[in-house]
Amino acid sequence: MKDMSEEERTQAIEKIKEVCKTFCGECPSYKGTGETELAFCALGKSNAIKEEKGCLCPSCPITGQMSLRWNYYCTRGAGKEQSAAGNAEK
């Protein structure tokens, strides 16, 4: 996404959010937190989600499409952040 224009990036994030509506809404870490944001894998950590209660990211189609390899984007940050931090935990 780093090579995209701002408009292309915005469109890509909206597509990610459409998929997130299905996956994040059912995620044990997301449910019941009051969080309304999505696309943590692209945008970064949630300010509302504090506990890691389970992660559906490995089964999300975006994970494969974006060649992501981490979990808990909602609490640990976007793929770029986790990569920079050396967080290879799955």
PDB file of N, CA and C in Angstrom:
ATOM      1  N   MET A   1       0.816  -1.192   0.000  1.00  0.00           N
ATOM      2  CA  MET A   1       0.000   0.000   0.000  1.00  0.00           C
ATOM      3  C   MET A   1       0.865   1.264   0.000  1.00  0.00           C
ATOM      4  N   LYS A   2       2.119   1.100   0.311  1.00  0.00           N
ATOM      5  CA  LYS A   2       2.990   2.268   0.399  1.00  0.00           C
ATOM      6  C   LYS A   2       3.203   2.954  -0.951  1.00  0.00           C
ATOM      7  N   ASP A   3       3.035   2.226  -2.035  1.00  0.00           N
ATOM      8  CA  ASP A   3       3.235   2.806  -3.362  1.00  0.00           C
ATOM      9  C   ASP A   3       1.946   3.342  -3.978  1.00  0.00           C
ATOM     10  N   MET A   4       0.859   3.322  -3.206  1.00  0.00           N
ATOM     11  CA  MET A   4      -0.433   3.781  -3.716  1.00  0.00           C
ATOM     12  C   MET A   4      -0.600   5.282  -3.512  1.00  0.00           C
ATOM     13  N   SER A   5      -1.411   5.868  -4.377  1.00  0.00           N
ATOM     14  CA  SER A   5      -1.793   7.261  -4.174  1.00  0.00           C
ATOM     15  C   SER A   5      -2.741   7.308  -2.981  1.00  0.00           C
ATOM     16  N   GLU A   6      -2.996   8.484  -2.460  1.00  0.00           N
ATOM     17  CA  GLU A   6      -3.898   8.619  -1.312  1.00  0.00           C
ATOM     18  C   GLU A   6      -5.290   8.095  -1.661  1.00  0.00           C
ATOM     19  N   GLU A   7      -5.751   8.374  -2.867  1.00  0.00           N
ATOM     20  CA  GLU A   7      -7.078   7.901  -3.297  1.00  0.00           C
ATOM     21  C   GLU A   7      -7.107   6.379  -3.395  1.00  0.00           C
ATOM     22  N   GLU A   8      -6.055   5.781  -3.968  1.00  0.00           N
ATOM     23  CA  GLU A   8      -5.983   4.325  -4.076  1.00  0.00           C
ATOM     24  C   GLU A   8      -5.931   3.679  -2.694  1.00  0.00           C
ATOM     25  N   ARG A   9      -5.182   4.292  -1.790  1.00  0.00           N
ATOM     26  CA  ARG A   9      -5.070   3.776  -0.427  1.00  0.00           C
ATOM     27  C   ARG A   9      -6.428   3.823   0.277  1.00  0.00           C
ATOM     28  N   THR A  10      -7.139   4.918   0.131  1.00  0.00           N
ATOM     29  CA  THR A  10      -8.463   5.068   0.733  1.00  0.00           C
ATOM     30  C   THR A  10      -9.411   3.996   0.205  1.00  0.00           C
ATOM     31  N   GLN A  11      -9.389   3.762  -1.096  1.00  0.00           N
ATOM     32  CA  GLN A  11     -10.249   2.747  -1.701  1.00  0.00           C
ATOM     33  C   GLN A  11      -9.880   1.349  -1.203  1.00  0.00           C
ATOM     34  N   ALA A  12      -8.594   1.065  -1.092  1.00  0.00           N
ATOM     35  CA  ALA A  12      -8.137  -0.241  -0.617  1.00  0.00           C
ATOM     36  C   ALA A  12      -8.586  -0.465   0.828  1.00  0.00           C
ATOM     37  N   ILE A  13      -8.472   0.546   1.653  1.00  0.00           N
ATOM     38  CA  ILE A  13      -8.870   0.422   3.054  1.00  0.00           C
ATOM     39  C   ILE A  13     -10.375   0.199   3.165  1.00  0.00           C
ATOM     40  N   GLU A  14     -11.156   0.855   2.320  1.00  0.00           N
ATOM     41  CA  GLU A  14     -12.611   0.634   2.328  1.00  0.00           C
ATOM     42  C   GLU A  14     -12.937  -0.807   1.955  1.00  0.00           C
ATOM     43  N   LYS A  15     -12.203  -1.386   1.015  1.00  0.00           N
ATOM     44  CA  LYS A  15     -12.415  -2.792   0.646  1.00  0.00           C
ATOM     45  C   LYS A  15     -12.051  -3.714   1.798  1.00  0.00           C
ATOM     46  N   ILE A  16     -10.956  -3.393   2.491  1.00  0.00           N
ATOM     47  CA  ILE A  16     -10.559  -4.182   3.651  1.00  0.00           C
ATOM     48  C   ILE A  16     -11.645  -4.118   4.716  1.00  0.00           C
ATOM     49  N   LYS A  17     -12.178  -2.940   4.954  1.00  0.00           N
ATOM     50  CA  LYS A  17     -13.218  -2.775   5.971  1.00  0.00           C
ATOM     51  C   LYS A  17     -14.454  -3.600   5.669  1.00  0.00           C
ATOM     52  N   GLU A  18     -14.785  -3.774   4.405  1.00  0.00           N
ATOM     53  CA  GLU A  18     -15.944  -4.598   4.044  1.00  0.00           C
ATOM     54  C   GLU A  18     -15.739  -6.034   4.504  1.00  0.00           C
ATOM     55  N   VAL A  19     -14.533  -6.556   4.327  1.00  0.00           N
ATOM     56  CA  VAL A  19     -14.228  -7.912   4.790  1.00  0.00           C
ATOM     57  C   VAL A  19     -14.207  -7.939   6.316  1.00  0.00           C
ATOM     58  N   CYS A  20     -13.655  -6.898   6.917  1.00  0.00           N
ATOM     59  CA  CYS A  20     -13.558  -6.824   8.381  1.00  0.00           C
ATOM     60  C   CYS A  20     -14.919  -6.888   9.063  1.00  0.00           C
ATOM     61  N   LYS A  21     -15.931  -6.382   8.427  1.00  0.00           N
ATOM     62  CA  LYS A  21     -17.272  -6.391   9.032  1.00  0.00           C
ATOM     63  C   LYS A  21     -17.686  -7.806   9.397  1.00  0.00           C
ATOM     64  N   THR A  22     -17.270  -8.763   8.620  1.00  0.00           N
ATOM     65  CA  THR A  22     -17.584 -10.163   8.895  1.00  0.00           C
ATOM     66  C   THR A  22     -16.655 -10.735   9.956  1.00  0.00           C
ATOM     67  N   PHE A  23     -15.361 -10.549   9.779  1.00  0.00           N
ATOM     68  CA  PHE A  23     -14.395 -11.187  10.667  1.00  0.00           C
ATOM     69  C   PHE A  23     -14.251 -10.480  12.010  1.00  0.00           C
ATOM     70  N   CYS A  24     -14.027  -9.207  12.019  1.00  0.00           N
ATOM     71  CA  CYS A  24     -13.823  -8.490  13.282  1.00  0.00           C
ATOM     72  C   CYS A  24     -15.057  -8.559  14.165  1.00  0.00           C
ATOM     73  N   GLY A  25     -16.225  -8.489  13.555  1.00  0.00           N
ATOM     74  CA  GLY A  25     -17.460  -8.525  14.334  1.00  0.00           C
ATOM     75  C   GLY A  25     -17.634  -9.795  15.141  1.00  0.00           C
ATOM     76  N   GLU A  26     -17.001 -10.867  14.718  1.00  0.00           N
ATOM     77  CA  GLU A  26     -17.097 -12.148  15.417  1.00  0.00           C
ATOM     78  C   GLU A  26     -15.871 -12.441  16.280  1.00  0.00           C
ATOM     79  N   CYS A  27     -14.874 -11.597  16.241  1.00  0.00           N
ATOM     80  CA  CYS A  27     -13.617 -11.833  16.951  1.00  0.00           C
ATOM     81  C   CYS A  27     -13.790 -11.699  18.464  1.00  0.00           C
ATOM     82  N   PRO A  28     -13.294 -12.668  19.232  1.00  0.00           N
ATOM     83  CA  PRO A  28     -13.413 -12.600  20.690  1.00  0.00           C
ATOM     84  C   PRO A  28     -12.747 -11.356  21.299  1.00  0.00           C
ATOM     85  N   SER A  29     -11.682 -10.885  20.704  1.00  0.00           N
ATOM     86  CA  SER A  29     -11.004  -9.690  21.229  1.00  0.00           C
ATOM     87  C   SER A  29     -11.770  -8.413  20.900  1.00  0.00           C
ATOM     88  N   TYR A  30     -12.534  -8.420  19.823  1.00  0.00           N
ATOM     89  CA  TYR A  30     -13.278  -7.243  19.346  1.00  0.00           C
ATOM     90  C   TYR A  30     -14.643  -7.123  20.019  1.00  0.00           C
ATOM     91  N   LYS A  31     -15.322  -8.250  20.152  1.00  0.00           N
ATOM     92  CA  LYS A  31     -16.691  -8.260  20.679  1.00  0.00           C
ATOM     93  C   LYS A  31     -16.770  -7.652  22.078  1.00  0.00           C
ATOM     94  N   GLY A  32     -17.758  -6.824  22.265  1.00  0.00           N
ATOM     95  CA  GLY A  32     -18.042  -6.281  23.576  1.00  0.00           C
ATOM     96  C   GLY A  32     -17.128  -5.156  24.040  1.00  0.00           C
ATOM     97  N   THR A  33     -16.278  -4.659  23.155  1.00  0.00           N
ATOM     98  CA  THR A  33     -15.339  -3.605  23.553  1.00  0.00           C
ATOM     99  C   THR A  33     -15.878  -2.210  23.264  1.00  0.00           C
ATOM    100  N   GLY A  34     -16.908  -2.135  22.429  1.00  0.00           N
ATOM    101  CA  GLY A  34     -17.413  -0.837  22.007  1.00  0.00           C
ATOM    102  C   GLY A  34     -16.652  -0.270  20.826  1.00  0.00           C
ATOM    103  N   GLU A  35     -15.665  -1.007  20.344  1.00  0.00           N
ATOM    104  CA  GLU A  35     -14.884  -0.558  19.193  1.00  0.00           C
ATOM    105  C   GLU A  35     -15.769  -0.523  17.955  1.00  0.00           C
ATOM    106  N   THR A  36     -15.606   0.487  17.138  1.00  0.00           N
ATOM    107  CA  THR A  36     -16.358   0.595  15.890  1.00  0.00           C
ATOM    108  C   THR A  36     -15.433   0.675  14.682  1.00  0.00           C
ATOM    109  N   GLU A  37     -14.163   0.872  14.910  1.00  0.00           N
ATOM    110  CA  GLU A  37     -13.198   0.951  13.809  1.00  0.00           C
ATOM    111  C   GLU A  37     -12.860  -0.446  13.315  1.00  0.00           C
ATOM    112  N   LEU A  38     -12.290  -0.516  12.122  1.00  0.00           N
ATOM    113  CA  LEU A  38     -11.905  -1.774  11.490  1.00  0.00           C
ATOM    114  C   LEU A  38     -10.578  -1.575  10.756  1.00  0.00           C
ATOM    115  N   ALA A  39     -10.116  -2.605  10.086  1.00  0.00           N
ATOM    116  CA  ALA A  39      -8.906  -2.565   9.253  1.00  0.00           C
ATOM    117  C   ALA A  39      -7.645  -2.285  10.068  1.00  0.00           C
ATOM    118  N   PHE A  40      -7.536  -2.908  11.219  1.00  0.00           N
ATOM    119  CA  PHE A  40      -6.370  -2.703  12.076  1.00  0.00           C
ATOM    120  C   PHE A  40      -5.089  -3.179  11.408  1.00  0.00           C
ATOM    121  N   CYS A  41      -5.187  -4.189  10.552  1.00  0.00           N
ATOM    122  CA  CYS A  41      -4.000  -4.697   9.861  1.00  0.00           C
ATOM    123  C   CYS A  41      -3.382  -3.632   8.964  1.00  0.00           C
ATOM    124  N   ALA A  42      -4.198  -2.701   8.500  1.00  0.00           N
ATOM    125  CA  ALA A  42      -3.705  -1.628   7.635  1.00  0.00           C
ATOM    126  C   ALA A  42      -3.528  -0.310   8.373  1.00  0.00           C
ATOM    127  N   LEU A  43      -4.381  -0.060   9.360  1.00  0.00           N
ATOM    128  CA  LEU A  43      -4.397   1.256  10.008  1.00  0.00           C
ATOM    129  C   LEU A  43      -3.717   1.311  11.376  1.00  0.00           C
ATOM    130  N   GLY A  44      -3.573   0.169  12.034  1.00  0.00           N
ATOM    131  CA  GLY A  44      -2.918   0.156  13.335  1.00  0.00           C
ATOM    132  C   GLY A  44      -3.842  -0.195  14.473  1.00  0.00           C
ATOM    133  N   LYS A  45      -3.312  -0.128  15.672  1.00  0.00           N
ATOM    134  CA  LYS A  45      -3.982  -0.561  16.904  1.00  0.00           C
ATOM    135  C   LYS A  45      -5.290   0.158  17.175  1.00  0.00           C
ATOM    136  N   SER A  46      -6.108  -0.537  17.935  1.00  0.00           N
ATOM    137  CA  SER A  46      -7.355   0.021  18.449  1.00  0.00           C
ATOM    138  C   SER A  46      -7.073   0.759  19.745  1.00  0.00           C
ATOM    139  N   ASN A  47      -7.816   1.801  19.992  1.00  0.00           N
ATOM    140  CA  ASN A  47      -7.733   2.487  21.281  1.00  0.00           C
ATOM    141  C   ASN A  47      -8.691   1.868  22.292  1.00  0.00           C
ATOM    142  N   ALA A  48      -9.621   1.044  21.810  1.00  0.00           N
ATOM    143  CA  ALA A  48     -10.640   0.463  22.685  1.00  0.00           C
ATOM    144  C   ALA A  48     -10.333  -0.977  23.100  1.00  0.00           C
ATOM    145  N   ILE A  49      -9.670  -1.713  22.254  1.00  0.00           N
ATOM    146  CA  ILE A  49      -9.410  -3.125  22.540  1.00  0.00           C
ATOM    147  C   ILE A  49      -8.133  -3.232  23.368  1.00  0.00           C
ATOM    148  N   LYS A  50      -8.271  -3.789  24.552  1.00  0.00           N
ATOM    149  CA  LYS A  50      -7.132  -3.873  25.479  1.00  0.00           C
ATOM    150  C   LYS A  50      -6.699  -5.303  25.777  1.00  0.00           C
ATOM    151  N   GLU A  51      -7.626  -6.264  25.616  1.00  0.00           N
ATOM    152  CA  GLU A  51      -7.326  -7.655  25.944  1.00  0.00           C
ATOM    153  C   GLU A  51      -7.296  -8.531  24.703  1.00  0.00           C
ATOM    154  N   GLU A  52      -6.359  -9.459  24.654  1.00  0.00           N
ATOM    155  CA  GLU A  52      -6.276 -10.436  23.576  1.00  0.00           C
ATOM    156  C   GLU A  52      -7.006 -11.694  24.031  1.00  0.00           C
ATOM    157  N   LYS A  53      -8.221 -11.877  23.518  1.00  0.00           N
ATOM    158  CA  LYS A  53      -9.079 -12.993  23.933  1.00  0.00           C
ATOM    159  C   LYS A  53      -9.201 -14.062  22.860  1.00  0.00           C
ATOM    160  N   GLY A  54      -8.512 -13.884  21.768  1.00  0.00           N
ATOM    161  CA  GLY A  54      -8.597 -14.778  20.629  1.00  0.00           C
ATOM    162  C   GLY A  54      -8.479 -13.935  19.382  1.00  0.00           C
ATOM    163  N   CYS A  55      -8.016 -14.539  18.290  1.00  0.00           N
ATOM    164  CA  CYS A  55      -7.760 -13.776  17.069  1.00  0.00           C
ATOM    165  C   CYS A  55      -8.234 -14.547  15.846  1.00  0.00           C
ATOM    166  N   LEU A  56      -9.016 -13.874  15.008  1.00  0.00           N
ATOM    167  CA  LEU A  56      -9.506 -14.487  13.775  1.00  0.00           C
ATOM    168  C   LEU A  56      -8.674 -14.075  12.558  1.00  0.00           C
ATOM    169  N   CYS A  57      -7.680 -13.245  12.764  1.00  0.00           N
ATOM    170  CA  CYS A  57      -6.870 -12.752  11.642  1.00  0.00           C
ATOM    171  C   CYS A  57      -6.292 -13.861  10.758  1.00  0.00           C
ATOM    172  N   PRO A  58      -5.819 -14.977  11.313  1.00  0.00           N
ATOM    173  CA  PRO A  58      -5.268 -16.020  10.446  1.00  0.00           C
ATOM    174  C   PRO A  58      -6.266 -16.574   9.434  1.00  0.00           C
ATOM    175  N   SER A  59      -7.554 -16.539   9.753  1.00  0.00           N
ATOM    176  CA  SER A  59      -8.566 -17.081   8.835  1.00  0.00           C
ATOM    177  C   SER A  59      -9.173 -16.004   7.934  1.00  0.00           C
ATOM    178  N   CYS A  60      -8.768 -14.759   8.092  1.00  0.00           N
ATOM    179  CA  CYS A  60      -9.296 -13.658   7.288  1.00  0.00           C
ATOM    180  C   CYS A  60      -8.675 -13.669   5.895  1.00  0.00           C
ATOM    181  N   PRO A  61      -9.463 -13.506   4.845  1.00  0.00           N
ATOM    182  CA  PRO A  61      -8.917 -13.496   3.491  1.00  0.00           C
ATOM    183  C   PRO A  61      -7.925 -12.350   3.241  1.00  0.00           C
ATOM    184  N   ILE A  62      -8.048 -11.271   3.971  1.00  0.00           N
ATOM    185  CA  ILE A  62      -7.128 -10.140   3.800  1.00  0.00           C
ATOM    186  C   ILE A  62      -5.710 -10.545   4.179  1.00  0.00           C
ATOM    187  N   THR A  63      -5.590 -11.425   5.165  1.00  0.00           N
ATOM    188  CA  THR A  63      -4.271 -11.894   5.600  1.00  0.00           C
ATOM    189  C   THR A  63      -3.503 -12.467   4.419  1.00  0.00           C
ATOM    190  N   GLY A  64      -4.151 -13.304   3.634  1.00  0.00           N
ATOM    191  CA  GLY A  64      -3.512 -13.887   2.450  1.00  0.00           C
ATOM    192  C   GLY A  64      -3.310 -12.882   1.332  1.00  0.00           C
ATOM    193  N   GLN A  65      -4.304 -12.053   1.099  1.00  0.00           N
ATOM    194  CA  GLN A  65      -4.220 -11.063   0.019  1.00  0.00           C
ATOM    195  C   GLN A  65      -3.088 -10.074   0.237  1.00  0.00           C
ATOM    196  N   MET A  66      -2.852  -9.700   1.496  1.00  0.00           N
ATOM    197  CA  MET A  66      -1.821  -8.714   1.802  1.00  0.00           C
ATOM    198  C   MET A  66      -0.516  -9.371   2.266  1.00  0.00           C
ATOM    199  N   SER A  67      -0.464 -10.714   2.190  1.00  0.00           N
ATOM    200  CA  SER A  67       0.716 -11.477   2.628  1.00  0.00           C
ATOM    201  C   SER A  67       1.114 -11.131   4.061  1.00  0.00           C
ATOM    202  N   LEU A  68       0.118 -11.031   4.930  1.00  0.00           N
ATOM    203  CA  LEU A  68       0.370 -10.723   6.335  1.00  0.00           C
ATOM    204  C   LEU A  68       0.703 -12.003   7.087  1.00  0.00           C
ATOM    205  N   ARG A  69       1.472 -11.876   8.155  1.00  0.00           N
ATOM    206  CA  ARG A  69       1.870 -13.069   8.892  1.00  0.00           C
ATOM    207  C   ARG A  69       1.765 -12.920  10.405  1.00  0.00           C
ATOM    208  N   TRP A  70       1.122 -11.875  10.857  1.00  0.00           N
ATOM    209  CA  TRP A  70       1.001 -11.652  12.297  1.00  0.00           C
ATOM    210  C   TRP A  70      -0.447 -11.789  12.730  1.00  0.00           C
ATOM    211  N   ASN A  71      -0.662 -11.654  14.029  1.00  0.00           N
ATOM    212  CA  ASN A  71      -1.990 -11.722  14.625  1.00  0.00           C
ATOM    213  C   ASN A  71      -2.210 -10.479  15.473  1.00  0.00           C
ATOM    214  N   TYR A  72      -3.415 -10.363  15.984  1.00  0.00           N
ATOM    215  CA  TYR A  72      -3.761  -9.311  16.935  1.00  0.00           C
ATOM    216  C   TYR A  72      -3.360  -7.910  16.451  1.00  0.00           C
ATOM    217  N   TYR A  73      -3.721  -7.596  15.234  1.00  0.00           N
ATOM    218  CA  TYR A  73      -3.443  -6.256  14.706  1.00  0.00           C
ATOM    219  C   TYR A  73      -4.151  -5.191  15.540  1.00  0.00           C
ATOM    220  N   CYS A  74      -5.268  -5.571  16.148  1.00  0.00           N
ATOM    221  CA  CYS A  74      -6.038  -4.622  16.952  1.00  0.00           C
ATOM    222  C   CYS A  74      -5.291  -4.191  18.215  1.00  0.00           C
ATOM    223  N   THR A  75      -4.422  -5.041  18.740  1.00  0.00           N
ATOM    224  CA  THR A  75      -3.688  -4.694  19.958  1.00  0.00           C
ATOM    225  C   THR A  75      -2.198  -4.493  19.728  1.00  0.00           C
ATOM    226  N   ARG A  76      -1.661  -5.058  18.661  1.00  0.00           N
ATOM    227  CA  ARG A  76      -0.213  -5.001  18.429  1.00  0.00           C
ATOM    228  C   ARG A  76       0.189  -4.065  17.299  1.00  0.00           C
ATOM    229  N   GLY A  77      -0.775  -3.654  16.493  1.00  0.00           N
ATOM    230  CA  GLY A  77      -0.498  -2.718  15.416  1.00  0.00           C
ATOM    231  C   GLY A  77      -0.556  -3.349  14.040  1.00  0.00           C
ATOM    232  N   ALA A  78      -0.511  -2.490  13.040  1.00  0.00           N
ATOM    233  CA  ALA A  78      -0.562  -2.906  11.635  1.00  0.00           C
ATOM    234  C   ALA A  78       0.628  -3.804  11.302  1.00  0.00           C
ATOM    235  N   GLY A  79       0.538  -4.477  10.167  1.00  0.00           N
ATOM    236  CA  GLY A  79       1.627  -5.343   9.734  1.00  0.00           C
ATOM    237  C   GLY A  79       2.955  -4.613   9.686  1.00  0.00           C
ATOM    238  N   LYS A  80       2.945  -3.406   9.203  1.00  0.00           N
ATOM    239  CA  LYS A  80       4.170  -2.607   9.107  1.00  0.00           C
ATOM    240  C   LYS A  80       4.770  -2.373  10.495  1.00  0.00           C
ATOM    241  N   GLU A  81       3.919  -2.076  11.470  1.00  0.00           N
ATOM    242  CA  GLU A  81       4.385  -1.849  12.843  1.00  0.00           C
ATOM    243  C   GLU A  81       4.956  -3.128  13.452  1.00  0.00           C
ATOM    244  N   GLN A  82       4.253  -4.227  13.262  1.00  0.00           N
ATOM    245  CA  GLN A  82       4.711  -5.491  13.834  1.00  0.00           C
ATOM    246  C   GLN A  82       6.001  -5.954  13.179  1.00  0.00           C
ATOM    247  N   SER A  83       6.125  -5.737  11.888  1.00  0.00           N
ATOM    248  CA  SER A  83       7.342  -6.097  11.179  1.00  0.00           C
ATOM    249  C   SER A  83       8.530  -5.298  11.708  1.00  0.00           C
ATOM    250  N   ALA A  84       8.329  -4.009  11.890  1.00  0.00           N
ATOM    251  CA  ALA A  84       9.401  -3.148  12.394  1.00  0.00           C
ATOM    252  C   ALA A  84       9.796  -3.516  13.821  1.00  0.00           C
ATOM    253  N   ALA A  85       8.828  -4.001  14.584  1.00  0.00           N
ATOM    254  CA  ALA A  85       9.090  -4.371  15.976  1.00  0.00           C
ATOM    255  C   ALA A  85       9.704  -5.765  16.086  1.00  0.00           C
ATOM    256  N   GLY A  86       9.744  -6.483  14.960  1.00  0.00           N
ATOM    257  CA  GLY A  86      10.301  -7.817  14.986  1.00  0.00           C
ATOM    258  C   GLY A  86       9.387  -8.829  15.647  1.00  0.00           C
ATOM    259  N   ASN A  87       8.113  -8.554  15.663  1.00  0.00           N
ATOM    260  CA  ASN A  87       7.123  -9.418  16.291  1.00  0.00           C
ATOM    261  C   ASN A  87       6.736 -10.528  15.315  1.00  0.00           C
ATOM    262  N   ALA A  88       7.422 -11.626  15.374  1.00  0.00           N
ATOM    263  CA  ALA A  88       7.152 -12.720  14.468  1.00  0.00           C
ATOM    264  C   ALA A  88       6.193 -13.740  15.065  1.00  0.00           C
ATOM    265  N   GLU A  89       5.634 -13.456  16.231  1.00  0.00           N
ATOM    266  CA  GLU A  89       4.702 -14.381  16.877  1.00  0.00           C
ATOM    267  C   GLU A  89       3.447 -14.519  16.030  1.00  0.00           C
ATOM    268  N   LYS A  90       3.005 -15.726  15.880  1.00  0.00           N
ATOM    269  CA  LYS A  90       1.784 -15.981  15.117  1.00  0.00           C
ATOM    270  C   LYS A  90       0.691 -16.390  16.042  1.00  0.00           C
TER     271      LYS A  90
END
